[in-house]
Amino acid sequence: MAEKGSEHPLGEAIVKEAEMRRLSIPELESFEAIPGRGVRVAHHGDEIYLGNRALMKERGIDHGSVEKKLIAFENQGKTAMIVALNKRIIGLVAVADTLKPYSIEAVKKLKDIGVETIMLTGDNERTAQSIARQVGIDKVVANVPPWEKANAIDELQRQGKVVAMVGDGINDAPALAKADIGIAIGSGSDVAKETGGIILVKDDVRDVVGGIKLSRATMRKIKQNLFWALVYNALGIPLAAIGLLNPMIAAAAMSLSSLSVVTNSALLRKFKLEN
């Protein structure tokens, strides 16, 4: 019930599961989303909180009695949320993020082409590290609230790194906008897709690798074309200036230069994304 008005992926997953089980979800008197914390709702005079430790601490709710259980869930790679009714904890909800197909393969391929992989997440350190170990990501930046994700991207950029951000949620939008390249998952939120410069239509994260390879191949072609154009002009202009180059030959050479550039660029059509 508390997650009925939530736009967070975990909240939507809980509501969807409740609907699949044909559970009745009553209407709420009020709903408040607390970014990076959880939600607060009111129903029939009762106040319900659903969220993380930070939310419970802010609202003066003691969660010590469930701390061991929280840690156990987190060590299993699950995101654990605390449910409190009128300042009293009444339960826990543990949700495990399902790894997208081929995530492990995608991370391995990124490493193979020299790309550093970093997990940037609002989840706690234990859960994030557990997921990172499964996928093969070496560096984890956890406990990052939505409004600080863009700051984390900015910090990487200040270190001189070119940053590509892959995300699918509303909370990822600022970071997608801040990154040098924003890559949105096709099945993600509309906000993420509007913000990202690239959308993975097939929801296959291996296409990130393919996109990087295609970009690198395109840059190689551009550099090759510039090189040969420079060679043609460096040889032709001095000869023409001193009158040693027949105008007809010069015209033919210019046409050949343009033809070579077009032909070289057309070879990109043979580039294939390997999944």
Protein backbone atom coordinates (compact mmCIF):
# COMPACT_ATOMS: atom_id res chain seq x y z
CA MET A 1 0.00 0.00 0.00
CA ALA A 2 2.76 2.46 0.97
CA GLU A 3 4.45 2.11 -2.43
CA LYS A 4 1.29 2.63 -4.48
CA GLY A 5 2.19 6.20 -5.41
CA SER A 6 5.93 5.60 -5.77
CA GLU A 7 7.79 6.01 -9.06
CA HIS A 8 10.90 4.25 -7.73
CA PRO A 9 11.67 0.94 -9.54
CA LEU A 10 11.67 -0.99 -6.27
CA GLY A 11 8.33 0.51 -5.26
CA GLU A 12 6.84 -0.29 -8.65
CA ALA A 13 8.12 -3.87 -8.36
CA ILE A 14 6.43 -4.30 -4.97
CA VAL A 15 3.11 -2.94 -6.25
CA LYS A 16 3.31 -5.11 -9.36
CA GLU A 17 3.89 -8.22 -7.25
CA ALA A 18 0.94 -7.33 -5.01
CA GLU A 19 -1.29 -6.95 -8.06
CA MET A 20 -0.13 -10.31 -9.43
CA ARG A 21 -1.14 -11.86 -6.11
CA ARG A 22 -4.53 -10.13 -6.44
CA LEU A 23 -4.05 -8.25 -3.18
CA SER A 24 -6.33 -5.29 -2.51
CA ILE A 25 -4.40 -2.01 -2.40
CA PRO A 26 -6.43 0.73 -0.66
CA GLU A 27 -6.30 4.39 -1.60
CA LEU A 28 -4.00 6.60 0.48
CA GLU A 29 -4.94 9.76 2.31
CA SER A 30 -1.52 11.27 1.58
CA PHE A 31 1.76 10.21 0.01
CA GLU A 32 5.21 11.76 0.37
CA ALA A 33 8.30 10.54 -1.47
CA ILE A 34 11.49 11.33 0.44
CA PRO A 35 14.38 11.26 -2.06
CA GLY A 36 17.17 8.91 -1.07
CA ARG A 37 15.24 7.76 1.97
CA GLY A 38 11.85 6.18 1.21
CA VAL A 39 8.20 7.15 1.54
CA ARG A 40 5.73 8.37 4.16
CA VAL A 41 2.01 7.74 3.77
CA ALA A 42 -1.10 8.30 5.83
CA HIS A 43 -4.05 5.89 5.94
CA HIS A 44 -7.03 5.99 8.31
CA GLY A 45 -5.11 8.18 10.75
CA ASP A 46 -2.07 5.93 10.79
CA GLU A 47 1.38 7.08 9.67
CA ILE A 48 3.41 4.54 7.72
CA TYR A 49 7.09 4.77 6.80
CA LEU A 50 8.85 2.53 4.32
CA GLY A 51 12.51 3.13 3.63
CA ASN A 52 16.12 2.79 4.69
CA ARG A 53 18.00 3.34 7.94
CA ALA A 54 18.48 7.02 7.21
CA LEU A 55 14.72 7.54 7.01
CA MET A 56 14.14 5.76 10.33
CA LYS A 57 16.89 7.79 12.00
CA GLU A 58 15.47 11.08 10.70
CA ARG A 59 12.02 10.21 12.02
CA GLY A 60 13.30 9.04 15.41
CA ILE A 61 12.44 5.38 14.87
CA ASP A 62 14.77 2.85 16.55
CA HIS A 63 15.72 0.09 14.11
CA GLY A 64 18.27 -1.69 16.31
CA SER A 65 16.00 -4.72 16.76
CA VAL A 66 16.15 -5.55 13.04
CA GLU A 67 19.77 -4.55 12.32
CA LYS A 68 21.09 -8.14 12.22
CA LYS A 69 18.37 -9.15 9.78
CA LEU A 70 19.11 -6.10 7.62
CA ILE A 71 22.78 -7.01 7.45
CA ALA A 72 21.92 -10.61 6.56
CA PHE A 73 19.74 -9.47 3.65
CA GLU A 74 22.38 -7.02 2.44
CA ASN A 75 25.10 -9.68 2.49
CA GLN A 76 22.86 -11.67 0.15
CA GLY A 77 22.84 -8.75 -2.30
CA LYS A 78 19.32 -7.66 -1.40
CA THR A 79 18.03 -4.15 -0.77
CA ALA A 80 16.26 -4.23 2.59
CA MET A 81 13.59 -1.69 3.47
CA ILE A 82 12.11 -1.11 6.91
CA VAL A 83 8.37 -0.78 7.46
CA ALA A 84 7.21 1.27 10.43
CA LEU A 85 3.68 1.97 11.64
CA ASN A 86 3.25 4.97 13.95
CA LYS A 87 6.95 5.02 14.91
CA ARG A 88 7.04 1.25 15.54
CA ILE A 89 8.82 -1.18 13.23
CA ILE A 90 6.45 -3.88 12.00
CA GLY A 91 8.40 -5.56 9.25
CA LEU A 92 11.08 -5.68 6.57
CA VAL A 93 10.85 -5.90 2.79
CA ALA A 94 13.88 -7.32 0.98
CA VAL A 95 14.16 -6.92 -2.77
CA ALA A 96 16.91 -8.40 -4.91
CA ASP A 97 17.93 -6.62 -8.09
CA THR A 98 17.84 -9.06 -10.97
CA LEU A 99 20.94 -8.77 -13.06
CA LYS A 100 20.19 -7.85 -16.64
CA PRO A 101 21.04 -10.60 -19.13
CA TYR A 102 24.65 -10.56 -20.29
CA SER A 103 25.68 -8.01 -17.61
CA ILE A 104 28.69 -10.12 -16.61
CA GLU A 105 29.72 -10.51 -20.24
CA ALA A 106 29.29 -6.78 -20.89
CA VAL A 107 31.49 -5.80 -17.95
CA LYS A 108 34.18 -8.26 -19.04
CA LYS A 109 34.14 -6.87 -22.59
CA LEU A 110 34.37 -3.31 -21.28
CA LYS A 111 37.46 -4.26 -19.30
CA ASP A 112 38.92 -5.99 -22.37
CA ILE A 113 38.77 -2.72 -24.35
CA GLY A 114 40.30 -0.72 -21.50
CA VAL A 115 37.18 0.87 -20.00
CA GLU A 116 37.06 1.33 -16.24
CA THR A 117 33.74 0.21 -14.75
CA ILE A 118 32.23 1.86 -11.66
CA MET A 119 28.94 1.11 -9.92
CA LEU A 120 27.23 4.31 -8.78
CA THR A 121 24.27 3.48 -6.59
CA GLY A 122 22.09 4.70 -3.78
CA ASP A 123 22.11 1.23 -2.23
CA ASN A 124 24.12 0.54 0.90
CA GLU A 125 27.74 -0.64 0.71
CA ARG A 126 27.06 -4.32 1.49
CA THR A 127 24.38 -4.77 -1.16
CA ALA A 128 26.37 -2.84 -3.75
CA GLN A 129 29.54 -4.84 -3.11
CA SER A 130 27.63 -8.11 -3.35
CA ILE A 131 26.16 -7.19 -6.75
CA ALA A 132 29.51 -5.84 -7.95
CA ARG A 133 31.23 -9.13 -7.10
CA GLN A 134 28.64 -11.05 -9.11
CA VAL A 135 29.10 -8.84 -12.17
CA GLY A 136 32.84 -8.28 -11.91
CA ILE A 137 32.85 -4.53 -11.23
CA ASP A 138 35.94 -3.50 -9.28
CA LYS A 139 34.97 -0.07 -7.95
CA VAL A 140 31.77 0.76 -6.08
CA VAL A 141 30.45 4.15 -5.00
CA ALA A 142 27.51 3.37 -2.70
CA ASN A 143 25.08 5.33 -0.52
CA VAL A 144 24.84 8.07 -3.15
CA PRO A 145 21.50 9.94 -2.97
CA PRO A 146 19.90 10.95 -6.28
CA TRP A 147 20.92 14.59 -6.06
CA GLU A 148 24.60 13.68 -5.56
CA LYS A 149 24.98 11.30 -8.50
CA ALA A 150 25.71 14.21 -10.83
CA ASN A 151 28.35 15.43 -8.35
CA ALA A 152 30.02 12.01 -8.46
CA ILE A 153 30.15 12.24 -12.26
CA ASP A 154 31.60 15.74 -11.99
CA GLU A 155 34.33 14.50 -9.66
CA LEU A 156 35.38 11.85 -12.18
CA GLN A 157 35.46 14.47 -14.93
CA ARG A 158 37.67 16.72 -12.80
CA GLN A 159 40.12 13.81 -12.66
CA GLY A 160 40.38 14.09 -16.44
CA LYS A 161 38.21 11.10 -17.26
CA VAL A 162 35.68 10.87 -20.07
CA VAL A 163 32.56 9.52 -18.38
CA ALA A 164 29.75 7.48 -19.90
CA MET A 165 26.78 6.94 -17.59
CA VAL A 166 24.34 4.07 -18.09
CA GLY A 167 21.02 4.39 -16.25
CA ASP A 168 17.30 3.74 -16.45
CA GLY A 169 15.61 5.49 -13.55
CA ILE A 170 14.28 8.95 -12.78
CA ASN A 171 17.04 9.34 -10.19
CA ASP A 172 19.66 8.70 -12.90
CA ALA A 173 18.56 11.63 -15.08
CA PRO A 174 20.83 14.33 -13.54
CA ALA A 175 23.85 12.03 -13.83
CA LEU A 176 22.95 11.11 -17.42
CA ALA A 177 22.79 14.80 -18.28
CA LYS A 178 26.09 15.56 -16.53
CA ALA A 179 28.06 12.70 -18.10
CA ASP A 180 30.00 13.18 -21.32
CA ILE A 181 27.85 10.41 -22.78
CA GLY A 182 24.45 9.55 -21.29
CA ILE A 183 23.22 6.06 -22.17
CA ALA A 184 19.63 5.21 -21.23
CA ILE A 185 18.11 1.74 -21.09
CA GLY A 186 15.17 1.45 -23.48
CA SER A 187 12.87 -0.07 -20.85
CA GLY A 188 13.71 2.66 -18.34
CA SER A 189 11.80 5.77 -17.32
CA ASP A 190 10.76 8.38 -19.87
CA VAL A 191 12.85 10.99 -18.07
CA ALA A 192 15.99 8.88 -18.39
CA LYS A 193 15.36 8.28 -22.09
CA GLU A 194 14.75 11.97 -22.72
CA THR A 195 17.98 12.86 -20.94
CA GLY A 196 20.27 10.21 -22.41
CA GLY A 197 22.08 10.93 -25.64
CA ILE A 198 21.97 7.24 -26.58
CA ILE A 199 19.12 4.78 -25.97
CA LEU A 200 19.71 1.02 -25.89
CA VAL A 201 16.57 -0.07 -27.71
CA LYS A 202 17.17 -3.80 -27.16
CA ASP A 203 17.91 -3.37 -23.43
CA ASP A 204 21.09 -5.35 -24.04
CA VAL A 205 23.91 -3.78 -22.03
CA ARG A 206 26.45 -5.39 -24.33
CA ASP A 207 25.44 -2.75 -26.86
CA VAL A 208 27.37 -0.28 -24.71
CA VAL A 209 30.51 -2.12 -25.77
CA GLY A 210 29.37 -2.14 -29.38
CA GLY A 211 28.68 1.59 -29.26
CA ILE A 212 32.16 2.33 -27.93
CA LYS A 213 33.78 0.15 -30.59
CA LEU A 214 31.74 1.80 -33.34
CA SER A 215 32.66 5.25 -32.04
CA ARG A 216 36.34 4.35 -31.99
CA ALA A 217 36.14 2.94 -35.52
CA THR A 218 34.45 6.15 -36.70
CA MET A 219 37.17 8.30 -35.14
CA ARG A 220 39.83 6.17 -36.83
CA LYS A 221 38.16 6.78 -40.20
CA ILE A 222 37.99 10.52 -39.55
CA LYS A 223 41.70 10.63 -38.70
CA GLN A 224 42.58 8.55 -41.77
CA ASN A 225 40.56 10.85 -44.02
CA LEU A 226 42.17 13.95 -42.54
CA PHE A 227 45.62 12.41 -42.98
CA TRP A 228 45.16 11.60 -46.65
CA ALA A 229 43.51 14.96 -47.34
CA LEU A 230 46.54 16.64 -45.75
CA VAL A 231 48.91 14.53 -47.88
CA TYR A 232 47.09 15.41 -51.11
CA ASN A 233 47.12 19.13 -50.31
CA ALA A 234 50.67 19.17 -48.97
CA LEU A 235 51.91 17.67 -52.25
CA GLY A 236 49.51 19.36 -54.67
CA ILE A 237 49.44 22.98 -53.51
CA PRO A 238 53.24 23.63 -53.75
CA LEU A 239 53.38 21.98 -57.18
CA ALA A 240 50.45 24.06 -58.41
CA ALA A 241 51.96 27.23 -56.96
CA ILE A 242 55.16 26.87 -58.98
CA GLY A 243 53.28 25.89 -62.13
CA LEU A 244 54.34 22.25 -62.27
CA LEU A 245 50.84 20.83 -61.95
CA ASN A 246 48.54 20.67 -64.96
CA PRO A 247 45.05 22.00 -64.07
CA MET A 248 43.43 18.85 -65.49
CA ILE A 249 45.66 16.65 -63.35
CA ALA A 250 44.90 18.86 -60.34
CA ALA A 251 41.16 18.46 -60.92
CA ALA A 252 41.55 14.70 -61.26
CA ALA A 253 43.63 14.57 -58.08
CA MET A 254 40.98 16.56 -56.21
CA SER A 255 38.26 14.19 -57.38
CA LEU A 256 40.41 11.22 -56.40
CA SER A 257 40.93 12.74 -52.96
CA SER A 258 37.16 13.10 -52.42
CA LEU A 259 36.54 9.61 -53.78
CA SER A 260 39.10 8.06 -51.44
CA VAL A 261 37.50 9.78 -48.43
CA VAL A 262 34.02 8.59 -49.34
CA THR A 263 35.21 5.04 -50.08
CA ASN A 264 37.16 4.82 -46.83
CA SER A 265 34.14 6.06 -44.84
CA ALA A 266 31.84 3.61 -46.62
CA LEU A 267 33.92 0.75 -45.22
CA LEU A 268 32.22 1.42 -41.86
CA ARG A 269 29.19 -0.37 -43.30
CA LYS A 270 31.15 -3.59 -42.77
CA PHE A 271 31.42 -2.89 -39.05
CA LYS A 272 29.44 -5.45 -37.09
CA LEU A 273 28.37 -5.33 -33.45
CA GLU A 274 29.34 -8.59 -31.80
CA ASN A 275 26.95 -9.79 -29.10
